[in-house]
Protein backbone atom coordinates (compact mmCIF):
# COMPACT_ATOMS: atom_id res chain seq x y z
CA MET A 1 -0.06 -0.02 -0.14
CA SER A 2 2.99 2.32 -0.67
CA ASP A 3 1.58 3.80 -3.63
CA PHE A 4 -0.26 6.64 -2.40
CA THR A 5 0.41 10.18 -3.56
CA LEU A 6 -0.99 13.15 -1.88
CA TRP A 7 -1.10 16.55 -3.89
CA GLY A 8 -0.94 19.61 -1.78
CA PHE A 9 1.42 21.65 0.49
CA ASP A 10 1.76 21.53 4.19
CA ALA A 11 0.45 24.89 4.84
CA SER A 12 -3.16 23.93 3.61
CA ILE A 13 -5.81 23.30 6.20
CA TYR A 14 -7.21 20.37 4.34
CA VAL A 15 -3.93 18.75 3.54
CA ARG A 16 -3.15 18.89 7.29
CA THR A 17 -6.35 17.15 7.97
CA VAL A 18 -5.48 14.24 5.44
CA LYS A 19 -1.94 14.20 7.11
CA MET A 20 -3.34 13.81 10.38
CA VAL A 21 -5.30 10.72 9.35
CA PHE A 22 -2.06 9.14 7.92
CA ALA A 23 -0.57 9.83 11.00
CA GLU A 24 -3.52 8.59 13.38
CA LYS A 25 -3.19 5.52 11.17
CA GLY A 26 0.49 5.33 11.90
CA PHE A 27 0.95 5.03 8.02
CA THR A 28 4.05 6.95 6.47
CA GLN A 29 4.48 5.22 2.98
CA PHE A 30 2.97 7.93 1.13
CA LYS A 31 4.52 10.51 -1.52
CA GLN A 32 3.39 14.18 -1.12
CA GLU A 33 3.73 16.39 -4.19
CA PRO A 34 3.65 20.02 -2.92
CA LEU A 35 1.41 22.62 -4.84
CA ASN A 36 1.52 25.83 -3.36
CA VAL A 37 -1.77 27.71 -3.58
CA LEU A 38 -0.57 30.95 -2.50
CA VAL A 39 1.37 31.39 -5.68
CA GLY A 40 -1.18 29.64 -7.98
CA GLU A 41 0.38 26.28 -8.67
CA GLN A 42 -3.10 24.89 -8.23
CA ARG A 43 -4.29 26.49 -11.38
CA THR A 44 -1.38 24.75 -13.65
CA PRO A 45 -2.93 22.83 -16.55
CA GLU A 46 -1.35 19.78 -15.11
CA HIS A 47 -3.30 20.17 -11.63
CA LEU A 48 -6.38 21.23 -13.53
CA GLU A 49 -6.34 17.83 -15.04
CA ARG A 50 -6.40 16.39 -11.59
CA HIS A 51 -8.91 18.53 -10.26
CA PRO A 52 -10.98 20.67 -12.75
CA PHE A 53 -11.74 23.20 -9.95
CA GLY A 54 -8.11 23.60 -9.02
CA LYS A 55 -8.34 22.55 -5.30
CA ILE A 56 -6.17 20.43 -3.09
CA PRO A 57 -5.71 17.91 -1.71
CA VAL A 58 -6.02 15.31 -4.16
CA LEU A 59 -5.16 11.76 -3.55
CA ASP A 60 -3.91 9.12 -5.85
CA HIS A 61 -3.90 5.33 -4.98
CA GLY A 62 -3.93 2.28 -6.82
CA GLY A 63 -5.06 3.62 -10.13
CA MET A 64 -7.77 5.54 -8.43
CA ARG A 65 -7.93 9.37 -8.05
CA ILE A 66 -10.11 10.73 -5.05
CA LEU A 67 -11.00 14.47 -4.86
CA GLU A 68 -12.32 16.49 -1.76
CA THR A 69 -11.27 15.98 1.51
CA PRO A 70 -14.25 14.34 2.95
CA ALA A 71 -14.08 11.46 0.33
CA ILE A 72 -10.18 11.13 0.99
CA THR A 73 -10.35 10.71 4.58
CA ARG A 74 -13.19 8.36 4.57
CA TYR A 75 -11.17 6.22 2.16
CA LEU A 76 -8.10 6.38 3.92
CA ASN A 77 -9.93 5.41 7.25
CA ASP A 78 -11.29 2.31 5.52
CA VAL A 79 -8.29 0.94 3.60
CA LEU A 80 -5.65 1.87 6.07
CA PRO A 81 -5.00 -0.19 9.28
CA GLY A 82 -5.68 1.00 12.71
CA ARG A 83 -8.09 2.40 14.80
CA SER A 84 -11.32 3.48 12.77
CA LEU A 85 -11.60 7.46 12.96
CA VAL A 86 -15.33 6.87 12.13
CA PRO A 87 -17.71 6.34 14.86
CA ALA A 88 -19.46 3.03 15.22
CA SER A 89 -22.99 4.34 16.25
CA PRO A 90 -25.36 5.60 14.01
CA GLN A 91 -25.66 8.63 16.25
CA ASP A 92 -22.03 9.30 16.71
CA ARG A 93 -21.34 9.18 12.90
CA ALA A 94 -24.17 11.67 12.50
CA ARG A 95 -22.57 14.17 14.95
CA MET A 96 -19.25 13.69 12.93
CA ASP A 97 -20.74 13.97 9.46
CA MET A 98 -22.97 16.99 10.74
CA ILE A 99 -19.69 19.02 12.01
CA ILE A 100 -17.61 17.95 9.05
CA GLY A 101 -20.23 19.87 6.87
CA ILE A 102 -20.51 22.64 9.03
CA VAL A 103 -16.74 23.01 8.85
CA GLY A 104 -16.74 22.77 5.03
CA SER A 105 -19.89 24.78 4.37
CA TYR A 106 -19.66 27.58 6.74
CA GLY A 107 -16.48 27.27 9.11
CA TYR A 108 -13.94 27.29 6.39
CA GLY A 109 -15.12 30.41 4.61
CA ALA A 110 -15.56 32.22 7.88
CA LEU A 111 -12.60 31.09 9.89
CA GLY A 112 -10.02 30.44 7.11
CA ASN A 113 -10.72 33.22 4.75
CA GLY A 114 -12.68 35.84 6.70
CA VAL A 115 -10.38 35.78 10.10
CA ALA A 116 -7.18 33.85 9.26
CA GLY A 117 -7.05 35.07 5.63
CA TYR A 118 -7.50 38.63 6.79
CA HIS A 119 -4.39 38.56 9.19
CA LEU A 120 -2.08 35.96 7.63
CA PHE A 121 -2.64 35.94 3.78
CA PRO A 122 -4.80 38.81 2.89
CA ASP A 123 -3.67 38.72 -0.85
CA TYR A 124 -4.72 35.23 -1.13
CA VAL A 125 -8.24 36.29 -0.23
CA GLY A 126 -8.44 39.47 -2.37
CA GLY A 127 -7.10 41.97 0.39
CA LYS A 128 -8.17 43.16 3.78
CA SER A 129 -12.07 43.63 4.29
CA GLU A 130 -13.11 44.67 7.64
CA GLU A 131 -16.71 43.61 6.73
CA LYS A 132 -15.46 39.85 5.57
CA ARG A 133 -13.51 39.83 9.10
CA ASN A 134 -16.13 40.79 11.09
CA ALA A 135 -18.56 38.22 9.35
CA GLY A 136 -16.02 35.62 9.77
CA VAL A 137 -15.73 36.32 13.51
CA GLU A 138 -19.52 36.21 13.97
CA ASN A 139 -20.12 33.09 11.69
CA GLY A 140 -16.83 31.18 12.88
CA ARG A 141 -18.25 31.46 16.37
CA LYS A 142 -21.35 30.10 15.30
CA ALA A 143 -19.74 27.04 13.73
CA ILE A 144 -17.57 26.35 16.73
CA LYS A 145 -20.46 26.80 19.00
CA LEU A 146 -22.31 24.31 16.99
CA ALA A 147 -19.45 21.84 17.16
CA MET A 148 -19.07 22.19 21.11
CA GLU A 149 -22.71 21.75 21.53
CA THR A 150 -22.76 18.54 19.51
CA LYS A 151 -19.66 17.43 21.44
CA GLY A 152 -21.63 17.87 24.86
CA THR A 153 -19.69 16.19 27.40
CA SER A 154 -17.70 14.07 25.07
CA ARG A 155 -14.15 14.48 25.06
CA PHE A 156 -13.99 14.92 21.25
CA ILE A 157 -16.90 16.10 18.89
CA ALA A 158 -18.33 12.67 17.98
CA GLY A 159 -17.19 10.59 21.26
CA ASP A 160 -13.80 9.48 20.61
CA LEU A 161 -11.41 11.14 18.44
CA SER A 162 -12.96 11.06 14.85
CA LEU A 163 -12.52 12.92 11.48
CA ALA A 164 -14.81 15.79 12.78
CA ASP A 165 -11.85 16.73 15.37
CA LEU A 166 -9.25 16.50 12.43
CA PHE A 167 -11.43 18.84 10.02
CA LEU A 168 -11.78 21.46 12.76
CA ALA A 169 -8.26 21.62 14.29
CA PRO A 170 -6.31 22.74 11.56
CA LEU A 171 -8.69 25.45 10.84
CA ALA A 172 -8.49 26.55 14.63
CA PHE A 173 -4.75 26.42 14.63
CA TYR A 174 -4.64 29.29 11.87
CA VAL A 175 -7.14 31.22 13.95
CA SER A 176 -4.85 30.60 16.89
CA LEU A 177 -2.16 32.66 15.38
CA THR A 178 -4.43 35.78 14.99
CA PRO A 179 -5.41 38.75 17.13
CA ASP A 180 -9.21 37.67 16.86
CA LYS A 181 -8.27 34.37 18.67
CA ASP A 182 -9.58 35.33 21.86
CA VAL A 183 -13.05 36.58 20.72
CA VAL A 184 -13.43 33.64 18.28
CA PHE A 185 -12.43 30.96 20.79
CA ASP A 186 -14.74 32.23 23.43
CA VAL A 187 -17.07 29.66 23.34
CA ASP A 188 -18.25 27.13 26.18
CA GLY A 189 -16.13 23.99 25.97
CA PHE A 190 -13.69 24.95 23.30
CA ALA A 191 -10.77 25.37 25.69
CA ARG A 192 -10.93 21.91 26.87
CA TRP A 193 -11.39 20.40 23.46
CA TRP A 194 -8.75 22.78 21.93
CA ALA A 195 -6.16 21.65 24.80
CA THR A 196 -6.82 18.11 24.09
CA VAL A 197 -6.36 18.15 20.57
CA GLN A 198 -3.20 20.32 20.87
CA ALA A 199 -1.99 17.36 22.84
CA LEU A 200 -2.19 15.01 20.18
CA PRO A 201 1.11 13.61 19.08
CA THR A 202 -0.20 13.62 15.43
CA PHE A 203 -1.35 17.42 15.83
CA ALA A 204 2.29 18.39 16.91
CA LYS A 205 3.56 15.98 13.99
CA THR A 206 1.62 17.75 11.18
CA GLN A 207 2.06 21.27 12.28
CA PRO A 208 3.05 23.28 8.87
């Protein structure tokens, strides 16, 4: 199972999610081909053949090409040995899938582009916009609040460590580097979850 090729660079939020899955599975036999989206490498003709919308990550394995992080991470969870990162119960799987969807549909744009983009890579998100930053803080807090309410008294979002935590953690990392972190993270239950996630060896191992 050494013929895995991961397209995307380490600074990507979603590439880190995929690499955390590899790390949680204890699997290191994959090849990574960096593509720096900050300088437009995802828009080359070669990559547009891999992903017609010019996104990363892309995973190649055994003659199959897989696009989009939810599909990639589910696939890796299924084909790699080790503890499953998908909960066994239908209820916990629904919790996991719900937060993965929330992060992708609302959290990424708000926190990744609106907050982190404003402070850390403004040129990539079209310049500094106070309107987008303020909306990012507001909607980002909503996404985090829903994740923490979904987590409830569990240690992780869907009971045990799952793909949901690996989707939110890399996004929270970039927010943690900004002056808006205290406002965005001021959500009941977040501090404990964040400390738990940061203590994961795989979180430290995959830090860009």
